[in-house]
Amino acid sequence: MIAVLLWLAAAGAPVTLLDDVVGAPPAGWRVIAVTLRQRPAVIDCEYLVRRGAAVRIWLLDRRDLPSFQRGRAFRPLAMSGHGRRGSLRHNAGLGEFVLVVDNRLSARAGTEVHLRVLLDFSGGQARELSPERRTVIVALSLLFLGATIYWAARRLGPQLWARLRQ
């Protein structure tokens, strides 16, 4: 029994995708691929610059990477602030994504960044019930409330009426 509980507790733990130092060239960037094929996940990324200038981390859909590389307009899914330390977090569906360590503002030297990327499959995404299910849940809740009131009235009603008449 204890083994099953430990297994269930461990099932919700985030998976470490990357926990390493990565480099980005001067006035350049480094790309790390993240692919989610089976289940959606929360992508959680933290970084700390070990050597070099401040950087920015971008999370992009893989299809937006060519636009980023050409300097054209693109839509980031998430981005960190420009600095020596930071983080980003995004509820991602299935698909192919890239994390970009952006060092384009530093033309003099490359940078080394300790990057930690976690994937949390524990269902961090909120979902909404369909209108039919909501109706059923509300109806069952009202039915339970009515049954509770009826039971209490039958059980306590005669005693309350007797005390009120005294």
Protein backbone atom coordinates (compact mmCIF):
# COMPACT_ATOMS: atom_id res chain seq x y z
CA MET A 1 0.00 0.00 0.00
CA ILE A 2 2.79 2.43 0.91
CA ALA A 3 4.57 1.62 -2.35
CA VAL A 4 1.44 2.53 -4.33
CA LEU A 5 1.11 5.85 -2.48
CA LEU A 6 4.77 6.67 -3.12
CA TRP A 7 4.34 5.78 -6.79
CA LEU A 8 1.29 8.05 -7.04
CA ALA A 9 3.10 10.89 -5.30
CA ALA A 10 6.08 10.54 -7.62
CA ALA A 11 3.86 10.50 -10.71
CA GLY A 12 3.09 14.19 -10.23
CA ALA A 13 6.73 15.25 -9.94
CA PRO A 14 8.10 17.40 -12.75
CA VAL A 15 10.48 15.81 -15.25
CA THR A 16 13.85 17.51 -15.73
CA LEU A 17 14.44 18.01 -19.43
CA LEU A 18 17.68 19.97 -19.09
CA ASP A 19 19.86 21.01 -16.17
CA ASP A 20 23.14 22.11 -17.70
CA VAL A 21 25.29 25.04 -18.77
CA VAL A 22 24.70 26.10 -22.37
CA GLY A 23 26.60 28.66 -24.37
CA ALA A 24 25.46 31.32 -26.80
CA PRO A 25 27.86 32.99 -29.25
CA PRO A 26 28.51 36.74 -29.31
CA ALA A 27 25.57 38.61 -30.90
CA GLY A 28 23.88 35.23 -31.42
CA TRP A 29 21.57 32.69 -29.87
CA ARG A 30 21.30 29.05 -28.93
CA VAL A 31 18.24 26.90 -29.64
CA ILE A 32 17.01 24.01 -27.47
CA ALA A 33 14.20 21.83 -28.85
CA VAL A 34 11.24 20.78 -26.67
CA THR A 35 8.79 18.28 -28.17
CA LEU A 36 5.54 17.22 -26.50
CA ARG A 37 3.94 14.32 -28.38
CA GLN A 38 1.89 12.40 -25.79
CA ARG A 39 0.61 14.79 -23.12
CA PRO A 40 0.40 18.55 -22.60
CA ALA A 41 2.73 19.95 -19.95
CA VAL A 42 3.75 23.09 -18.16
CA ILE A 43 7.18 24.16 -19.42
CA ASP A 44 9.09 25.77 -16.56
CA CYS A 45 12.50 27.32 -17.32
CA GLU A 46 14.94 29.05 -14.97
CA TYR A 47 18.30 30.50 -15.94
CA LEU A 48 21.38 32.03 -14.35
CA VAL A 49 24.21 33.62 -16.35
CA ARG A 50 27.53 32.08 -15.25
CA ARG A 51 29.78 34.07 -17.59
CA GLY A 52 29.08 36.90 -20.00
CA ALA A 53 26.37 39.48 -20.47
CA ALA A 54 22.68 39.40 -19.63
CA VAL A 55 20.42 37.31 -21.87
CA ARG A 56 16.74 36.79 -22.61
CA ILE A 57 15.02 33.41 -22.94
CA TRP A 58 12.24 32.99 -25.50
CA LEU A 59 9.79 30.09 -25.81
CA LEU A 60 8.54 29.83 -29.39
CA ASP A 61 6.48 27.49 -31.47
CA ARG A 62 8.95 25.75 -33.78
CA ARG A 63 7.20 27.29 -36.80
CA ASP A 64 8.13 30.78 -35.55
CA LEU A 65 11.86 30.01 -35.35
CA PRO A 66 12.67 31.05 -38.98
CA SER A 67 11.00 34.43 -38.38
CA PHE A 68 13.08 34.89 -35.22
CA GLN A 69 16.28 33.95 -37.07
CA ARG A 70 15.56 36.41 -39.91
CA GLY A 71 14.69 39.22 -37.51
CA ARG A 72 11.07 39.34 -38.61
CA ALA A 73 7.97 39.64 -36.45
CA PHE A 74 7.04 36.53 -34.46
CA ARG A 75 4.73 35.64 -31.57
CA PRO A 76 6.55 34.28 -28.53
CA LEU A 77 4.62 31.90 -26.31
CA ALA A 78 6.58 33.17 -23.30
CA MET A 79 9.70 35.20 -22.63
CA SER A 80 11.84 36.15 -19.70
CA GLY A 81 13.09 39.59 -18.88
CA HIS A 82 16.52 40.63 -20.14
CA GLY A 83 18.91 39.94 -17.29
CA ARG A 84 21.49 37.74 -15.63
CA ARG A 85 18.80 35.66 -13.91
CA GLY A 86 15.19 34.93 -14.72
CA SER A 87 12.48 32.43 -15.51
CA LEU A 88 9.51 31.71 -17.70
CA ARG A 89 6.53 29.38 -17.45
CA HIS A 90 4.00 28.31 -20.06
CA ASN A 91 1.08 25.84 -20.25
CA ALA A 92 1.92 24.08 -23.50
CA GLY A 93 -0.24 21.74 -25.52
CA LEU A 94 1.08 19.06 -27.82
CA GLY A 95 3.59 20.21 -30.41
CA GLU A 96 7.15 21.19 -31.14
CA PHE A 97 8.64 24.15 -29.29
CA VAL A 98 12.05 25.78 -28.97
CA LEU A 99 13.74 27.62 -26.15
CA VAL A 100 16.05 30.33 -27.45
CA VAL A 101 18.91 31.70 -25.33
CA ASP A 102 19.17 35.17 -26.88
CA ASN A 103 22.57 36.90 -26.60
CA ARG A 104 22.10 39.31 -29.53
CA LEU A 105 22.61 42.42 -27.38
CA SER A 106 26.19 41.44 -26.52
CA ALA A 107 28.44 41.70 -29.59
CA ARG A 108 31.71 41.38 -27.64
CA ALA A 109 31.64 37.99 -25.98
CA GLY A 110 29.69 34.80 -25.76
CA THR A 111 27.82 33.83 -22.66
CA GLU A 112 27.42 30.72 -20.54
CA VAL A 113 24.03 30.19 -18.95
CA HIS A 114 22.98 27.55 -16.46
CA LEU A 115 19.61 26.50 -17.83
CA ARG A 116 17.09 24.33 -15.98
CA VAL A 117 14.03 23.19 -17.92
CA LEU A 118 11.26 21.18 -16.21
CA LEU A 119 8.17 19.58 -17.73
CA ASP A 120 5.22 19.23 -15.38
CA PHE A 121 2.66 16.70 -16.64
CA SER A 122 0.49 16.83 -13.51
CA GLY A 123 -2.40 18.52 -15.26
CA GLY A 124 -1.69 22.16 -14.53
CA GLN A 125 -4.11 23.20 -17.23
CA ALA A 126 -7.56 24.19 -16.10
CA ARG A 127 -10.46 22.73 -18.03
CA GLU A 128 -14.10 23.73 -18.28
CA LEU A 129 -16.97 21.30 -18.18
CA SER A 130 -19.41 21.11 -21.06
CA PRO A 131 -22.80 22.80 -20.49
CA GLU A 132 -24.52 19.40 -20.28
CA ARG A 133 -22.21 18.20 -17.51
CA ARG A 134 -22.56 21.47 -15.62
CA THR A 135 -26.36 21.10 -15.77
CA VAL A 136 -26.16 17.55 -14.43
CA ILE A 137 -23.83 18.58 -11.60
CA VAL A 138 -26.06 21.51 -10.58
CA ALA A 139 -29.17 19.30 -10.72
CA LEU A 140 -27.55 16.57 -8.61
CA SER A 141 -26.30 19.15 -6.11
CA LEU A 142 -29.78 20.65 -5.75
CA LEU A 143 -31.29 17.17 -5.40
CA PHE A 144 -28.81 16.33 -2.64
CA LEU A 145 -29.52 19.64 -0.89
CA GLY A 146 -33.28 19.02 -1.10
CA ALA A 147 -32.90 15.48 0.27
CA THR A 148 -30.81 16.78 3.16
CA ILE A 149 -33.38 19.45 4.01
CA TYR A 150 -36.21 16.90 3.79
CA TRP A 151 -34.35 14.45 6.06
CA ALA A 152 -33.57 17.19 8.59
CA ALA A 153 -37.17 18.41 8.57
CA ARG A 154 -38.53 14.91 9.10
CA ARG A 155 -36.02 14.14 11.82
CA LEU A 156 -35.96 17.45 13.68
CA GLY A 157 -39.25 19.04 12.61
CA PRO A 158 -41.56 17.57 15.29
CA GLN A 159 -39.15 18.47 18.08
CA LEU A 160 -38.77 22.04 16.82
CA TRP A 161 -42.54 22.54 16.49
CA ALA A 162 -43.09 21.18 19.99
CA ARG A 163 -40.53 23.61 21.46
CA LEU A 164 -41.99 26.56 19.53
CA ARG A 165 -45.52 25.86 20.85
CA GLN A 166 -44.36 25.87 24.49
